[in-house]
C-alpha atoms as a PDB file:
ATOM      1  CA  MET A   1       0.431  -2.813 -13.899  1.00  0.00           C
ATOM      2  CA  VAL A   2       4.079  -3.641 -13.367  1.00  0.00           C
ATOM      3  CA  SER A   3       4.702  -7.191 -12.190  1.00  0.00           C
ATOM      4  CA  MET A   4       6.340  -7.290  -8.797  1.00  0.00           C
ATOM      5  CA  VAL A   5       7.329 -10.982  -8.807  1.00  0.00           C
ATOM      6  CA  ALA A   6       9.308 -12.030  -5.685  1.00  0.00           C
ATOM      7  CA  CYS A   7       7.591 -12.566  -2.332  1.00  0.00           C
ATOM      8  CA  ARG A   8       8.934 -12.246   1.138  1.00  0.00           C
ATOM      9  CA  ARG A   9       9.591 -15.376   3.064  1.00  0.00           C
ATOM     10  CA  MET A  10       7.076 -16.921   5.410  1.00  0.00           C
ATOM     11  CA  ASP A  11       9.702 -16.519   8.162  1.00  0.00           C
ATOM     12  CA  HIS A  12       8.763 -13.208   9.779  1.00  0.00           C
ATOM     13  CA  SER A  13      12.110 -12.376  11.393  1.00  0.00           C
ATOM     14  CA  ALA A  14      13.156  -8.801  10.702  1.00  0.00           C
ATOM     15  CA  ASP A  15      16.088  -9.632   8.425  1.00  0.00           C
ATOM     16  CA  THR A  16      14.065 -11.867   6.090  1.00  0.00           C
ATOM     17  CA  ARG A  17      11.194  -9.512   5.305  1.00  0.00           C
ATOM     18  CA  ARG A  18      11.299  -8.607   1.636  1.00  0.00           C
ATOM     19  CA  GLY A  19       8.653  -6.964  -0.454  1.00  0.00           C
ATOM     20  CA  GLY A  20       7.650  -8.685  -3.652  1.00  0.00           C
ATOM     21  CA  TYR A  21       7.298  -5.328  -5.343  1.00  0.00           C
ATOM     22  CA  ALA A  22      11.015  -4.733  -6.045  1.00  0.00           C
ATOM     23  CA  PRO A  23      10.593  -4.306  -9.839  1.00  0.00           C
ATOM     24  CA  ALA A  24       7.893  -1.644  -9.249  1.00  0.00           C
ATOM     25  CA  ARG A  25       9.746   0.048  -6.389  1.00  0.00           C
ATOM     26  CA  ASP A  26      10.616   3.186  -8.377  1.00  0.00           C
ATOM     27  CA  GLN A  27       7.024   3.594  -9.549  1.00  0.00           C
ATOM     28  CA  LEU A  28       5.715   3.184  -6.004  1.00  0.00           C
ATOM     29  CA  LEU A  29       8.281   5.656  -4.666  1.00  0.00           C
ATOM     30  CA  ARG A  30       7.236   8.230  -7.283  1.00  0.00           C
ATOM     31  CA  ARG A  31       3.613   7.797  -6.262  1.00  0.00           C
ATOM     32  CA  MET A  32       4.544   8.183  -2.604  1.00  0.00           C
ATOM     33  CA  ALA A  33       6.511  11.366  -3.359  1.00  0.00           C
ATOM     34  CA  ARG A  34       3.417  12.832  -5.025  1.00  0.00           C
ATOM     35  CA  ILE A  35       1.327  11.854  -2.007  1.00  0.00           C
ATOM     36  CA  GLU A  36       3.840  13.526   0.311  1.00  0.00           C
ATOM     37  CA  GLY A  37       3.435  16.672  -1.767  1.00  0.00           C
ATOM     38  CA  GLN A  38      -0.340  16.437  -1.499  1.00  0.00           C
ATOM     39  CA  VAL A  39      -0.140  16.097   2.284  1.00  0.00           C
ATOM     40  CA  ARG A  40       2.223  19.075   2.541  1.00  0.00           C
ATOM     41  CA  GLY A  41      -0.292  20.999   0.427  1.00  0.00           C
ATOM     42  CA  VAL A  42      -3.077  20.104   2.868  1.00  0.00           C
ATOM     43  CA  ARG A  43      -0.939  21.324   5.757  1.00  0.00           C
ATOM     44  CA  LYS A  44      -0.315  24.595   3.930  1.00  0.00           C
ATOM     45  CA  MET A  45      -4.025  24.971   3.220  1.00  0.00           C
ATOM     46  CA  ILE A  46      -4.793  24.577   6.915  1.00  0.00           C
ATOM     47  CA  ASP A  47      -2.023  27.023   7.820  1.00  0.00           C
ATOM     48  CA  GLU A  48      -3.521  29.525   5.382  1.00  0.00           C
ATOM     49  CA  GLU A  49      -7.004  28.873   6.806  1.00  0.00           C
ATOM     50  CA  ARG A  50      -8.399  27.880   3.424  1.00  0.00           C
ATOM     51  CA  TYR A  51     -12.045  26.954   2.999  1.00  0.00           C
ATOM     52  CA  CYS A  52     -12.679  23.688   4.846  1.00  0.00           C
ATOM     53  CA  MET A  53     -14.465  22.014   1.918  1.00  0.00           C
ATOM     54  CA  ASP A  54     -11.383  22.600  -0.263  1.00  0.00           C
ATOM     55  CA  VAL A  55      -9.154  21.080   2.427  1.00  0.00           C
ATOM     56  CA  LEU A  56     -11.440  18.059   2.733  1.00  0.00           C
ATOM     57  CA  GLN A  57     -11.349  17.586  -1.025  1.00  0.00           C
ATOM     58  CA  GLN A  58      -7.550  17.494  -0.955  1.00  0.00           C
ATOM     59  CA  ILE A  59      -7.560  15.043   1.955  1.00  0.00           C
ATOM     60  CA  ALA A  60      -9.873  12.773  -0.046  1.00  0.00           C
ATOM     61  CA  ALA A  61      -7.490  12.980  -3.017  1.00  0.00           C
ATOM     62  CA  ALA A  62      -4.507  12.028  -0.843  1.00  0.00           C
ATOM     63  CA  ARG A  63      -6.412   9.096   0.656  1.00  0.00           C
ATOM     64  CA  ALA A  64      -7.418   7.897  -2.812  1.00  0.00           C
ATOM     65  CA  ALA A  65      -3.789   8.062  -3.926  1.00  0.00           C
ATOM     66  CA  LEU A  66      -2.704   5.999  -0.904  1.00  0.00           C
ATOM     67  CA  ASP A  67      -5.471   3.506  -1.668  1.00  0.00           C
ATOM     68  CA  LYS A  68      -4.059   3.086  -5.188  1.00  0.00           C
ATOM     69  CA  VAL A  69      -0.624   2.267  -3.752  1.00  0.00           C
ATOM     70  CA  ALA A  70      -2.217  -0.193  -1.334  1.00  0.00           C
ATOM     71  CA  MET A  71      -4.200  -1.859  -4.116  1.00  0.00           C
ATOM     72  CA  ALA A  72      -1.061  -2.269  -6.237  1.00  0.00           C
ATOM     73  CA  LEU A  73       0.592  -4.049  -3.303  1.00  0.00           C
ATOM     74  CA  VAL A  74      -2.489  -6.210  -2.665  1.00  0.00           C
ATOM     75  CA  ASP A  75      -2.740  -7.135  -6.339  1.00  0.00           C
ATOM     76  CA  ASP A  76       0.875  -8.216  -6.440  1.00  0.00           C
ATOM     77  CA  HIS A  77       0.619 -10.138  -3.184  1.00  0.00           C
ATOM     78  CA  VAL A  78      -2.421 -12.090  -4.380  1.00  0.00           C
ATOM     79  CA  ARG A  79      -1.027 -12.844  -7.828  1.00  0.00           C
ATOM     80  CA  HIS A  80       2.478 -13.798  -6.829  1.00  0.00           C
ATOM     81  CA  CYS A  81       2.637 -14.565  -3.132  1.00  0.00           C
ATOM     82  CA  VAL A  82      -0.709 -16.186  -2.361  1.00  0.00           C
ATOM     83  CA  LEU A  83      -1.402 -17.934  -5.668  1.00  0.00           C
ATOM     84  CA  GLY A  84       2.284 -18.681  -6.180  1.00  0.00           C
ATOM     85  CA  ALA A  85       2.791 -20.149  -2.712  1.00  0.00           C
ATOM     86  CA  GLU A  86       3.240 -23.827  -2.110  1.00  0.00           C
ATOM     87  CA  PRO A  87      -0.210 -25.368  -1.503  1.00  0.00           C
ATOM     88  CA  GLU A  88       0.546 -25.972   2.181  1.00  0.00           C
ATOM     89  CA  ASN A  89       1.389 -22.259   2.665  1.00  0.00           C
ATOM     90  CA  ARG A  90      -1.544 -20.680   0.808  1.00  0.00           C
ATOM     91  CA  ASP A  91      -3.869 -20.582   3.818  1.00  0.00           C
ATOM     92  CA  VAL A  92      -1.202 -18.835   5.901  1.00  0.00           C
ATOM     93  CA  MET A  93      -0.522 -16.334   3.120  1.00  0.00           C
ATOM     94  CA  ALA A  94      -4.257 -15.707   2.628  1.00  0.00           C
ATOM     95  CA  SER A  95      -4.772 -15.206   6.381  1.00  0.00           C
ATOM     96  CA  GLU A  96      -1.886 -12.775   6.499  1.00  0.00           C
ATOM     97  CA  LEU A  97      -3.406 -10.853   3.591  1.00  0.00           C
ATOM     98  CA  MET A  98      -6.863 -10.758   5.169  1.00  0.00           C
ATOM     99  CA  GLY A  99      -5.380  -9.426   8.410  1.00  0.00           C
ATOM    100  CA  ALA A 100      -3.587  -6.678   6.512  1.00  0.00           C
ATOM    101  CA  LEU A 101      -6.749  -5.804   4.580  1.00  0.00           C
ATOM    102  CA  GLY A 102      -8.731  -5.673   7.824  1.00  0.00           C
ATOM    103  CA  ARG A 103      -6.260  -3.184   9.251  1.00  0.00           C
ATOM    104  CA  LEU A 104      -6.248  -1.222   6.006  1.00  0.00           C
ATOM    105  CA  VAL A 105      -9.992  -0.700   6.030  1.00  0.00           C
ATOM    106  CA  GLY A 106     -10.114  -0.188   9.791  1.00  0.00           C
ATOM    107  CA  GLY A 107     -11.890  -3.411  10.665  1.00  0.00           C
ATOM    108  CA  ARG A 108      -9.252  -4.825  13.019  1.00  0.00           C
END
């Protein structure tokens, strides 16, 4: 996995939000472009009234691809932002991560 290094600041104002994944940005954008293509393919399948099990299979593939992007971001956040945070900020960073994970899996 590509190291993503920098973390965004604890200050949550709009102009200070920065992703720590800058070095892997191109890789993530390529993955997202492929996912966009998959989703367009699903739309086309529905438009063409393709067999529903085939459509569901493609939806599952698109979701799995999005999950891989999410896991790359989570991995980087844990390794660099949570573990790399000043000790007094780690609980805040961990809580922020857990909130995001809860929303990701539909728990909150």
